[in-house]
Amino acid sequence: MISAKKILLFGISFGIFSLLILAGFSLFAASSKIIFKSILIGDFLAFLNFVLGLLFVFRGHNRPNKEFLASLFGGLLIRLSLLLILLTSTLIFLEINEISFIFSILFFYFFYVIIEIIYLNFRKR
């Protein structure tokens, strides 16, 4: 049976593993370091968003529904604001491949949001 802890462990271990693999590729790749760096930064920003989301969920855990929803939606507002600031500053100040960065952050963001939704669904049961 799949438990909420296993889903959470999968999401965190996938995030750390993908960050390590992409960091290795960006350090040792001879031809396309900028592309791997762009994908690595996109993965890092999405993983940071995922971890912050889990912190807000754990903060609202075992509280009344009103406090839990305030923690969840307040955390969502803070996470999206922080992601917007980091995304625009990354695009403006860093030398990256913009297309690789945007598609990687889009892919990893949706992946981590799906993991977060599955975790919340299984945690409630």
N, C-alpha and C. Protein backbone atom coordinates (compact mmCIF):
# COMPACT_ATOMS: atom_id res chain seq x y z
N MET A 1 0.84 -1.18 0.00
CA MET A 1 0.00 0.00 0.00
C MET A 1 0.88 1.24 0.00
N ILE A 2 0.51 2.20 -0.78
CA ILE A 2 1.26 3.44 -0.87
C ILE A 2 0.82 4.36 0.27
N SER A 3 1.79 4.84 1.03
CA SER A 3 1.47 5.74 2.13
C SER A 3 1.94 7.15 1.78
N ALA A 4 1.50 8.09 2.59
CA ALA A 4 1.86 9.49 2.36
C ALA A 4 3.36 9.71 2.56
N LYS A 5 3.95 8.99 3.51
CA LYS A 5 5.39 9.13 3.76
C LYS A 5 6.21 8.65 2.57
N LYS A 6 5.75 7.57 1.92
CA LYS A 6 6.47 7.07 0.75
C LYS A 6 6.40 8.06 -0.41
N ILE A 7 5.26 8.69 -0.59
CA ILE A 7 5.12 9.68 -1.65
C ILE A 7 6.00 10.88 -1.37
N LEU A 8 6.02 11.31 -0.11
CA LEU A 8 6.88 12.43 0.27
C LEU A 8 8.35 12.08 0.10
N LEU A 9 8.73 10.88 0.49
CA LEU A 9 10.11 10.43 0.32
C LEU A 9 10.48 10.35 -1.15
N PHE A 10 9.56 9.89 -1.98
CA PHE A 10 9.82 9.83 -3.42
C PHE A 10 10.05 11.22 -3.99
N GLY A 11 9.20 12.18 -3.63
CA GLY A 11 9.34 13.53 -4.15
C GLY A 11 10.64 14.19 -3.74
N ILE A 12 11.00 14.05 -2.47
CA ILE A 12 12.24 14.67 -1.99
C ILE A 12 13.46 13.97 -2.57
N SER A 13 13.44 12.64 -2.60
CA SER A 13 14.60 11.92 -3.14
C SER A 13 14.74 12.16 -4.64
N PHE A 14 13.64 12.25 -5.38
CA PHE A 14 13.72 12.56 -6.80
C PHE A 14 14.31 13.95 -7.01
N GLY A 15 13.89 14.90 -6.19
CA GLY A 15 14.40 16.26 -6.30
C GLY A 15 15.89 16.33 -6.04
N ILE A 16 16.35 15.71 -4.98
CA ILE A 16 17.78 15.73 -4.66
C ILE A 16 18.57 14.98 -5.71
N PHE A 17 18.08 13.84 -6.15
CA PHE A 17 18.78 13.05 -7.16
C PHE A 17 18.87 13.81 -8.48
N SER A 18 17.78 14.43 -8.90
CA SER A 18 17.82 15.17 -10.17
C SER A 18 18.73 16.39 -10.07
N LEU A 19 18.76 17.05 -8.91
CA LEU A 19 19.67 18.18 -8.73
C LEU A 19 21.12 17.73 -8.80
N LEU A 20 21.44 16.60 -8.19
CA LEU A 20 22.81 16.09 -8.23
C LEU A 20 23.22 15.67 -9.64
N ILE A 21 22.34 15.00 -10.35
CA ILE A 21 22.64 14.58 -11.72
C ILE A 21 22.85 15.79 -12.62
N LEU A 22 21.96 16.76 -12.53
CA LEU A 22 22.09 17.95 -13.37
C LEU A 22 23.31 18.78 -12.99
N ALA A 23 23.66 18.82 -11.70
CA ALA A 23 24.88 19.53 -11.30
C ALA A 23 26.11 18.83 -11.86
N GLY A 24 26.10 17.50 -11.85
CA GLY A 24 27.22 16.77 -12.45
C GLY A 24 27.33 17.02 -13.94
N PHE A 25 26.20 17.01 -14.63
CA PHE A 25 26.23 17.30 -16.07
C PHE A 25 26.71 18.71 -16.35
N SER A 26 26.27 19.67 -15.54
CA SER A 26 26.67 21.05 -15.81
C SER A 26 28.14 21.28 -15.48
N LEU A 27 28.71 20.50 -14.58
CA LEU A 27 30.13 20.64 -14.27
C LEU A 27 31.02 19.94 -15.28
N PHE A 28 30.61 18.77 -15.74
CA PHE A 28 31.49 17.95 -16.56
C PHE A 28 31.12 17.88 -18.03
N ALA A 29 30.03 18.50 -18.44
CA ALA A 29 29.65 18.48 -19.86
C ALA A 29 30.56 19.44 -20.62
N ALA A 30 31.04 18.99 -21.75
CA ALA A 30 31.97 19.82 -22.52
C ALA A 30 31.24 20.74 -23.49
N SER A 31 30.11 20.31 -24.00
CA SER A 31 29.50 21.06 -25.10
C SER A 31 28.42 22.05 -24.66
N SER A 32 27.53 21.65 -23.80
CA SER A 32 26.36 22.49 -23.53
C SER A 32 26.21 22.76 -22.03
N LYS A 33 27.19 23.42 -21.45
CA LYS A 33 27.11 23.73 -20.02
C LYS A 33 25.98 24.71 -19.71
N ILE A 34 25.74 25.63 -20.62
CA ILE A 34 24.70 26.64 -20.36
C ILE A 34 23.32 26.00 -20.33
N ILE A 35 23.08 25.02 -21.18
CA ILE A 35 21.77 24.35 -21.19
C ILE A 35 21.57 23.56 -19.90
N PHE A 36 22.59 22.80 -19.48
CA PHE A 36 22.45 22.04 -18.24
C PHE A 36 22.34 22.97 -17.03
N LYS A 37 23.05 24.10 -17.07
CA LYS A 37 22.94 25.08 -15.99
C LYS A 37 21.52 25.66 -15.94
N SER A 38 20.94 25.91 -17.10
CA SER A 38 19.57 26.44 -17.15
C SER A 38 18.57 25.44 -16.59
N ILE A 39 18.73 24.18 -16.96
CA ILE A 39 17.83 23.13 -16.45
C ILE A 39 18.03 22.94 -14.95
N LEU A 40 19.27 23.01 -14.50
CA LEU A 40 19.57 22.87 -13.07
C LEU A 40 18.93 23.98 -12.26
N ILE A 41 19.02 25.20 -12.73
CA ILE A 41 18.41 26.33 -12.02
C ILE A 41 16.89 26.20 -12.01
N GLY A 42 16.30 25.77 -13.12
CA GLY A 42 14.86 25.55 -13.17
C GLY A 42 14.41 24.48 -12.19
N ASP A 43 15.17 23.39 -12.12
CA ASP A 43 14.85 22.32 -11.18
C ASP A 43 15.01 22.81 -9.75
N PHE A 44 16.05 23.58 -9.49
CA PHE A 44 16.27 24.08 -8.14
C PHE A 44 15.14 25.00 -7.68
N LEU A 45 14.69 25.88 -8.55
CA LEU A 45 13.60 26.79 -8.18
C LEU A 45 12.30 26.03 -7.93
N ALA A 46 12.01 25.04 -8.76
CA ALA A 46 10.80 24.24 -8.56
C ALA A 46 10.90 23.40 -7.29
N PHE A 47 12.09 22.85 -7.01
CA PHE A 47 12.28 22.06 -5.79
C PHE A 47 12.17 22.94 -4.55
N LEU A 48 12.71 24.15 -4.62
CA LEU A 48 12.58 25.10 -3.52
C LEU A 48 11.11 25.42 -3.26
N ASN A 49 10.36 25.60 -4.31
CA ASN A 49 8.92 25.85 -4.20
C ASN A 49 8.22 24.65 -3.54
N PHE A 50 8.61 23.45 -3.93
CA PHE A 50 8.04 22.22 -3.37
C PHE A 50 8.33 22.11 -1.87
N VAL A 51 9.57 22.37 -1.48
CA VAL A 51 9.95 22.27 -0.07
C VAL A 51 9.23 23.33 0.77
N LEU A 52 9.14 24.54 0.25
CA LEU A 52 8.39 25.58 0.96
C LEU A 52 6.92 25.21 1.11
N GLY A 53 6.35 24.60 0.08
CA GLY A 53 4.97 24.15 0.16
C GLY A 53 4.78 23.09 1.23
N LEU A 54 5.73 22.17 1.34
CA LEU A 54 5.64 21.15 2.38
C LEU A 54 5.77 21.76 3.77
N LEU A 55 6.62 22.77 3.91
CA LEU A 55 6.75 23.43 5.21
C LEU A 55 5.45 24.10 5.62
N PHE A 56 4.77 24.73 4.68
CA PHE A 56 3.49 25.36 5.01
C PHE A 56 2.41 24.31 5.29
N VAL A 57 2.46 23.18 4.62
CA VAL A 57 1.49 22.11 4.90
C VAL A 57 1.74 21.53 6.28
N PHE A 58 3.02 21.30 6.63
CA PHE A 58 3.33 20.77 7.95
C PHE A 58 2.98 21.78 9.05
N ARG A 59 3.10 23.06 8.74
CA ARG A 59 2.75 24.10 9.71
C ARG A 59 1.24 24.07 10.01
N GLY A 60 0.44 23.80 9.01
CA GLY A 60 -1.00 23.77 9.19
C GLY A 60 -1.55 22.41 9.57
N HIS A 61 -0.69 21.40 9.69
CA HIS A 61 -1.11 20.04 10.01
C HIS A 61 -1.68 19.97 11.43
N ASN A 62 -2.74 19.19 11.60
CA ASN A 62 -3.43 18.97 12.88
C ASN A 62 -3.96 20.28 13.48
N ARG A 63 -4.41 21.16 12.65
CA ARG A 63 -5.05 22.40 13.10
C ARG A 63 -6.46 22.43 12.53
N PRO A 64 -7.29 23.31 13.03
CA PRO A 64 -8.64 23.42 12.45
C PRO A 64 -8.59 23.78 10.97
N ASN A 65 -9.69 23.48 10.28
CA ASN A 65 -9.72 23.68 8.83
C ASN A 65 -9.42 25.11 8.43
N LYS A 66 -9.91 26.07 9.19
CA LYS A 66 -9.69 27.48 8.85
C LYS A 66 -8.21 27.83 8.91
N GLU A 67 -7.52 27.37 9.94
CA GLU A 67 -6.09 27.65 10.07
C GLU A 67 -5.29 26.88 9.03
N PHE A 68 -5.70 25.65 8.73
CA PHE A 68 -5.00 24.88 7.71
C PHE A 68 -5.11 25.54 6.35
N LEU A 69 -6.32 25.97 5.99
CA LEU A 69 -6.51 26.63 4.70
C LEU A 69 -5.79 27.97 4.64
N ALA A 70 -5.75 28.69 5.75
CA ALA A 70 -4.99 29.95 5.78
C ALA A 70 -3.51 29.69 5.58
N SER A 71 -3.00 28.64 6.20
CA SER A 71 -1.59 28.28 6.02
C SER A 71 -1.32 27.83 4.60
N LEU A 72 -2.23 27.04 4.05
CA LEU A 72 -2.04 26.51 2.70
C LEU A 72 -2.08 27.62 1.65
N PHE A 73 -3.12 28.46 1.70
CA PHE A 73 -3.25 29.50 0.69
C PHE A 73 -2.30 30.67 0.93
N GLY A 74 -2.01 30.98 2.18
CA GLY A 74 -1.00 31.99 2.46
C GLY A 74 0.37 31.54 1.98
N GLY A 75 0.66 30.26 2.21
CA GLY A 75 1.91 29.70 1.71
C GLY A 75 1.97 29.70 0.20
N LEU A 76 0.83 29.45 -0.44
CA LEU A 76 0.78 29.48 -1.90
C LEU A 76 1.06 30.87 -2.43
N LEU A 77 0.51 31.87 -1.77
CA LEU A 77 0.75 33.26 -2.18
C LEU A 77 2.23 33.63 -2.01
N ILE A 78 2.81 33.26 -0.89
CA ILE A 78 4.22 33.54 -0.64
C ILE A 78 5.10 32.79 -1.63
N ARG A 79 4.78 31.52 -1.87
CA ARG A 79 5.59 30.71 -2.79
C ARG A 79 5.56 31.27 -4.21
N LEU A 80 4.37 31.61 -4.69
CA LEU A 80 4.27 32.13 -6.06
C LEU A 80 4.92 33.51 -6.19
N SER A 81 4.82 34.33 -5.15
CA SER A 81 5.49 35.64 -5.19
C SER A 81 7.00 35.47 -5.21
N LEU A 82 7.51 34.58 -4.37
CA LEU A 82 8.95 34.31 -4.34
C LEU A 82 9.42 33.72 -5.66
N LEU A 83 8.62 32.81 -6.21
CA LEU A 83 8.98 32.20 -7.49
C LEU A 83 9.00 33.23 -8.61
N LEU A 84 8.06 34.15 -8.61
CA LEU A 84 8.05 35.21 -9.62
C LEU A 84 9.28 36.10 -9.51
N ILE A 85 9.64 36.48 -8.29
CA ILE A 85 10.83 37.32 -8.09
C ILE A 85 12.09 36.58 -8.53
N LEU A 86 12.23 35.32 -8.11
CA LEU A 86 13.42 34.55 -8.48
C LEU A 86 13.47 34.26 -9.98
N LEU A 87 12.33 34.01 -10.57
CA LEU A 87 12.27 33.73 -12.01
C LEU A 87 12.70 34.94 -12.82
N THR A 88 12.16 36.10 -12.50
CA THR A 88 12.52 37.30 -13.26
C THR A 88 13.96 37.71 -13.01
N SER A 89 14.43 37.59 -11.78
CA SER A 89 15.83 37.95 -11.52
C SER A 89 16.78 36.98 -12.20
N THR A 90 16.41 35.71 -12.28
CA THR A 90 17.25 34.74 -12.99
C THR A 90 17.30 35.05 -14.47
N LEU A 91 16.16 35.36 -15.05
CA LEU A 91 16.14 35.68 -16.48
C LEU A 91 16.89 36.98 -16.80
N ILE A 92 16.87 37.93 -15.89
CA ILE A 92 17.53 39.21 -16.15
C ILE A 92 19.04 39.14 -15.90
N PHE A 93 19.45 38.54 -14.79
CA PHE A 93 20.84 38.68 -14.35
C PHE A 93 21.75 37.51 -14.70
N LEU A 94 21.24 36.33 -14.91
CA LEU A 94 22.11 35.18 -15.17
C LEU A 94 22.20 34.89 -16.66
N GLU A 95 23.34 34.36 -17.04
CA GLU A 95 23.55 33.98 -18.44
C GLU A 95 23.11 32.52 -18.60
N ILE A 96 21.87 32.36 -19.04
CA ILE A 96 21.30 31.03 -19.21
C ILE A 96 20.59 30.97 -20.55
N ASN A 97 20.25 29.76 -20.94
CA ASN A 97 19.42 29.55 -22.12
C ASN A 97 17.96 29.68 -21.66
N GLU A 98 17.30 30.73 -22.11
CA GLU A 98 15.97 31.05 -21.60
C GLU A 98 14.94 29.97 -21.92
N ILE A 99 15.02 29.40 -23.10
CA ILE A 99 14.03 28.38 -23.49
C ILE A 99 14.18 27.13 -22.64
N SER A 100 15.40 26.67 -22.44
CA SER A 100 15.63 25.50 -21.58
C SER A 100 15.19 25.77 -20.15
N PHE A 101 15.46 26.97 -19.69
CA PHE A 101 15.09 27.34 -18.32
C PHE A 101 13.57 27.35 -18.15
N ILE A 102 12.86 27.97 -19.06
CA ILE A 102 11.41 28.08 -18.94
C ILE A 102 10.75 26.70 -19.03
N PHE A 103 11.19 25.88 -19.98
CA PHE A 103 10.58 24.56 -20.10
C PHE A 103 10.94 23.65 -18.93
N SER A 104 12.16 23.77 -18.41
CA SER A 104 12.53 22.93 -17.28
C SER A 104 11.76 23.34 -16.03
N ILE A 105 11.61 24.64 -15.80
CA ILE A 105 10.86 25.05 -14.62
C ILE A 105 9.38 24.68 -14.77
N LEU A 106 8.86 24.73 -15.97
CA LEU A 106 7.48 24.33 -16.21
C LEU A 106 7.30 22.84 -15.93
N PHE A 107 8.20 22.01 -16.44
CA PHE A 107 8.11 20.56 -16.23
C PHE A 107 8.25 20.22 -14.75
N PHE A 108 9.31 20.72 -14.11
CA PHE A 108 9.56 20.37 -12.72
C PHE A 108 8.50 20.95 -11.79
N TYR A 109 7.99 22.13 -12.10
CA TYR A 109 6.94 22.73 -11.27
C TYR A 109 5.69 21.85 -11.29
N PHE A 110 5.26 21.43 -12.47
CA PHE A 110 4.08 20.56 -12.55
C PHE A 110 4.33 19.21 -11.90
N PHE A 111 5.53 18.67 -12.06
CA PHE A 111 5.86 17.39 -11.43
C PHE A 111 5.75 17.49 -9.91
N TYR A 112 6.36 18.52 -9.34
CA TYR A 112 6.34 18.66 -7.89
C TYR A 112 4.94 19.02 -7.37
N VAL A 113 4.16 19.75 -8.12
CA VAL A 113 2.79 20.06 -7.71
C VAL A 113 1.95 18.78 -7.71
N ILE A 114 2.15 17.92 -8.69
CA ILE A 114 1.43 16.64 -8.72
C ILE A 114 1.82 15.79 -7.51
N ILE A 115 3.11 15.74 -7.18
CA ILE A 115 3.55 15.00 -5.99
C ILE A 115 2.92 15.60 -4.73
N GLU A 116 2.87 16.91 -4.65
CA GLU A 116 2.28 17.57 -3.49
C GLU A 116 0.78 17.28 -3.37
N ILE A 117 0.07 17.29 -4.47
CA ILE A 117 -1.36 16.99 -4.44
C ILE A 117 -1.61 15.54 -4.05
N ILE A 118 -0.83 14.62 -4.59
CA ILE A 118 -0.97 13.21 -4.22
C ILE A 118 -0.67 13.03 -2.74
N TYR A 119 0.37 13.72 -2.25
CA TYR A 119 0.70 13.63 -0.83
C TYR A 119 -0.45 14.14 0.04
N LEU A 120 -1.02 15.28 -0.33
CA LEU A 120 -2.14 15.82 0.46
C LEU A 120 -3.35 14.90 0.41
N ASN A 121 -3.58 14.26 -0.73
CA ASN A 121 -4.71 13.35 -0.87
C ASN A 121 -4.52 12.11 0.01
N PHE A 122 -3.32 11.54 0.00
CA PHE A 122 -3.08 10.34 0.80
C PHE A 122 -2.95 10.66 2.28
N ARG A 123 -2.47 11.84 2.62
CA ARG A 123 -2.31 12.21 4.02
C ARG A 123 -3.66 12.35 4.71
N LYS A 124 -4.65 12.79 3.98
CA LYS A 124 -5.97 13.00 4.57
C LYS A 124 -6.65 11.68 4.93
N ARG A 125 -6.36 10.62 4.20
CA ARG A 125 -7.03 9.34 4.45
C ARG A 125 -6.61 8.77 5.73
